């Protein structure tokens, strides 16, 4: 039994999104976001800024791995 049958839902699909921190979003990512109805530039900029913020957080977690827990 498939998940679609088990949960009585519509089939889904995987939409790859690749976001860099240089405010550059590839055309394939823009196509994926368009399919999700995310079309405005403000949302695109927000997604890029979130990627930058979280990349910075991951860097600090890695670099401070031996720091005392707070």
N, C-alpha and C. Protein backbone atom coordinates (compact mmCIF):
# COMPACT_ATOMS: atom_id res chain seq x y z
N UNK A 1 0.85 -1.18 0.00
CA UNK A 1 0.00 0.00 0.00
C UNK A 1 0.89 1.24 0.00
N UNK A 2 0.60 2.17 -0.89
CA UNK A 2 1.39 3.40 -0.96
C UNK A 2 0.92 4.39 0.11
N UNK A 3 1.72 5.40 0.37
CA UNK A 3 1.33 6.43 1.34
C UNK A 3 0.10 7.19 0.88
N UNK A 4 0.01 7.40 -0.44
CA UNK A 4 -1.16 8.10 -0.99
C UNK A 4 -2.43 7.31 -0.67
N UNK A 5 -2.36 5.99 -0.84
CA UNK A 5 -3.52 5.15 -0.53
C UNK A 5 -3.77 5.08 0.97
N UNK A 6 -2.69 4.95 1.73
CA UNK A 6 -2.82 4.81 3.18
C UNK A 6 -3.43 6.04 3.82
N UNK A 7 -3.03 7.22 3.36
CA UNK A 7 -3.52 8.45 3.98
C UNK A 7 -4.60 9.14 3.15
N UNK A 8 -5.01 8.51 2.05
CA UNK A 8 -6.06 9.04 1.19
C UNK A 8 -5.80 10.51 0.83
N UNK A 9 -4.66 10.72 0.21
CA UNK A 9 -4.24 12.07 -0.13
C UNK A 9 -3.78 12.13 -1.59
N UNK A 10 -3.46 13.30 -2.04
CA UNK A 10 -2.96 13.47 -3.41
C UNK A 10 -1.47 13.13 -3.45
N UNK A 11 -0.99 12.67 -4.59
CA UNK A 11 0.45 12.39 -4.71
C UNK A 11 1.25 13.68 -4.55
N UNK A 12 2.41 13.56 -3.97
CA UNK A 12 3.30 14.71 -3.79
C UNK A 12 4.48 14.61 -4.73
N UNK A 13 5.32 15.60 -4.70
CA UNK A 13 6.53 15.58 -5.49
C UNK A 13 7.63 16.34 -4.76
N UNK A 14 8.84 16.00 -5.07
CA UNK A 14 10.00 16.66 -4.47
C UNK A 14 10.41 17.80 -5.38
N UNK A 15 10.51 18.99 -4.81
CA UNK A 15 10.93 20.16 -5.57
C UNK A 15 12.26 20.64 -4.99
N UNK A 16 13.35 20.38 -5.68
CA UNK A 16 14.65 20.80 -5.13
C UNK A 16 14.79 22.31 -5.12
N UNK A 17 15.31 22.81 -4.04
CA UNK A 17 15.61 24.24 -3.95
C UNK A 17 17.04 24.39 -3.43
N UNK A 18 17.84 25.11 -4.18
CA UNK A 18 19.22 25.36 -3.80
C UNK A 18 19.34 26.86 -3.57
N UNK A 19 19.70 27.22 -2.35
CA UNK A 19 19.79 28.63 -1.97
C UNK A 19 21.19 28.92 -1.49
N UNK A 20 21.80 29.91 -2.08
CA UNK A 20 23.12 30.35 -1.64
C UNK A 20 23.00 31.62 -0.81
N UNK A 21 24.10 32.04 -0.30
CA UNK A 21 24.09 33.24 0.54
C UNK A 21 24.57 34.47 -0.22
N UNK A 22 24.65 34.37 -1.54
CA UNK A 22 25.10 35.50 -2.35
C UNK A 22 23.93 36.16 -3.06
N UNK A 23 22.73 35.91 -2.58
CA UNK A 23 21.50 36.44 -3.17
C UNK A 23 21.29 35.95 -4.59
N UNK A 24 21.90 34.84 -4.94
CA UNK A 24 21.70 34.26 -6.27
C UNK A 24 20.86 33.01 -6.12
N UNK A 25 19.75 32.97 -6.82
CA UNK A 25 18.88 31.81 -6.81
C UNK A 25 18.83 31.29 -8.25
N UNK A 26 19.12 30.01 -8.41
CA UNK A 26 19.17 29.43 -9.76
C UNK A 26 17.77 29.40 -10.39
N UNK A 27 17.75 29.30 -11.70
CA UNK A 27 16.47 29.24 -12.42
C UNK A 27 15.66 28.02 -12.02
N UNK A 28 16.33 26.88 -11.79
CA UNK A 28 15.59 25.69 -11.38
C UNK A 28 14.94 25.88 -10.01
N UNK A 29 15.62 26.59 -9.12
CA UNK A 29 15.03 26.88 -7.81
C UNK A 29 13.86 27.84 -7.96
N UNK A 30 14.02 28.85 -8.83
CA UNK A 30 12.91 29.77 -9.07
C UNK A 30 11.70 29.03 -9.63
N UNK A 31 11.95 28.05 -10.50
CA UNK A 31 10.85 27.24 -11.04
C UNK A 31 10.16 26.46 -9.91
N UNK A 32 10.96 25.88 -9.00
CA UNK A 32 10.38 25.14 -7.87
C UNK A 32 9.56 26.07 -6.98
N UNK A 33 10.11 27.25 -6.69
CA UNK A 33 9.38 28.20 -5.84
C UNK A 33 8.11 28.67 -6.54
N UNK A 34 8.16 28.83 -7.85
CA UNK A 34 6.98 29.23 -8.61
C UNK A 34 5.88 28.17 -8.49
N UNK A 35 6.26 26.90 -8.55
CA UNK A 35 5.28 25.82 -8.39
C UNK A 35 4.66 25.83 -6.99
N UNK A 36 5.40 26.36 -6.01
CA UNK A 36 4.88 26.49 -4.65
C UNK A 36 4.14 27.82 -4.45
N UNK A 37 3.99 28.58 -5.53
CA UNK A 37 3.32 29.89 -5.52
C UNK A 37 4.08 30.92 -4.69
N UNK A 38 5.40 30.79 -4.67
CA UNK A 38 6.27 31.78 -4.02
C UNK A 38 6.95 32.54 -5.15
N UNK A 39 6.37 33.68 -5.52
CA UNK A 39 6.81 34.37 -6.73
C UNK A 39 7.40 35.76 -6.49
N UNK A 40 7.14 36.35 -5.35
CA UNK A 40 7.57 37.74 -5.16
C UNK A 40 9.02 37.82 -4.71
N UNK A 41 9.68 38.87 -5.13
CA UNK A 41 11.10 39.06 -4.81
C UNK A 41 11.33 39.16 -3.31
N UNK A 42 10.40 39.73 -2.58
CA UNK A 42 10.57 39.85 -1.13
C UNK A 42 10.71 38.49 -0.46
N UNK A 43 9.92 37.53 -0.90
CA UNK A 43 10.02 36.18 -0.36
C UNK A 43 11.34 35.54 -0.73
N UNK A 44 11.79 35.77 -1.97
CA UNK A 44 13.07 35.22 -2.41
C UNK A 44 14.21 35.78 -1.55
N UNK A 45 14.18 37.07 -1.29
CA UNK A 45 15.22 37.70 -0.47
C UNK A 45 15.16 37.14 0.95
N UNK A 46 13.96 36.96 1.49
CA UNK A 46 13.81 36.40 2.84
C UNK A 46 14.41 35.00 2.91
N UNK A 47 14.16 34.17 1.91
CA UNK A 47 14.71 32.82 1.87
C UNK A 47 16.23 32.85 1.86
N UNK A 48 16.81 33.76 1.06
CA UNK A 48 18.27 33.88 1.00
C UNK A 48 18.82 34.35 2.33
N UNK A 49 18.16 35.33 2.97
CA UNK A 49 18.64 35.82 4.26
C UNK A 49 18.54 34.74 5.34
N UNK A 50 17.50 33.92 5.29
CA UNK A 50 17.40 32.80 6.24
C UNK A 50 18.53 31.79 6.02
N UNK A 51 18.88 31.54 4.77
CA UNK A 51 19.99 30.64 4.48
C UNK A 51 21.30 31.20 5.04
N UNK A 52 21.51 32.50 4.86
CA UNK A 52 22.71 33.15 5.38
C UNK A 52 22.75 33.07 6.90
N UNK A 53 21.64 33.40 7.54
CA UNK A 53 21.58 33.39 9.01
C UNK A 53 21.83 31.99 9.57
N UNK A 54 21.20 30.99 8.97
CA UNK A 54 21.37 29.64 9.48
C UNK A 54 22.74 29.07 9.15
N UNK A 55 23.31 29.46 8.02
CA UNK A 55 24.68 29.03 7.71
C UNK A 55 25.65 29.60 8.73
N UNK A 56 25.45 30.84 9.12
CA UNK A 56 26.29 31.46 10.13
C UNK A 56 26.13 30.75 11.47
N UNK A 57 24.90 30.41 11.83
CA UNK A 57 24.66 29.68 13.09
C UNK A 57 25.35 28.32 13.08
N UNK A 58 25.24 27.60 11.97
CA UNK A 58 25.89 26.28 11.86
C UNK A 58 27.41 26.43 12.00
N UNK A 59 27.96 27.44 11.37
CA UNK A 59 29.40 27.70 11.48
C UNK A 59 29.79 27.90 12.94
N UNK A 60 29.04 28.74 13.65
CA UNK A 60 29.38 29.02 15.05
C UNK A 60 29.19 27.79 15.93
N UNK A 61 28.15 27.00 15.68
CA UNK A 61 27.97 25.76 16.46
C UNK A 61 29.15 24.83 16.25
N UNK A 62 29.64 24.74 15.02
CA UNK A 62 30.77 23.88 14.71
C UNK A 62 32.05 24.41 15.35
N UNK A 63 32.30 25.70 15.21
CA UNK A 63 33.54 26.28 15.72
C UNK A 63 33.57 26.33 17.24
N UNK A 64 32.41 26.39 17.87
CA UNK A 64 32.33 26.47 19.33
C UNK A 64 31.93 25.12 19.94
N UNK A 65 32.25 24.02 19.28
CA UNK A 65 31.78 22.72 19.73
C UNK A 65 32.29 22.35 21.11
N UNK A 66 33.45 22.87 21.52
CA UNK A 66 33.98 22.51 22.83
C UNK A 66 33.71 23.58 23.89
N UNK A 67 32.94 24.59 23.51
CA UNK A 67 32.59 25.64 24.48
C UNK A 67 31.60 25.08 25.49
N UNK A 68 31.60 25.62 26.70
CA UNK A 68 30.66 25.14 27.71
C UNK A 68 29.23 25.39 27.25
N UNK A 69 28.35 24.46 27.55
CA UNK A 69 26.93 24.62 27.19
C UNK A 69 26.33 25.79 27.95
N UNK A 70 25.46 26.53 27.28
CA UNK A 70 24.79 27.66 27.95
C UNK A 70 23.34 27.40 28.12
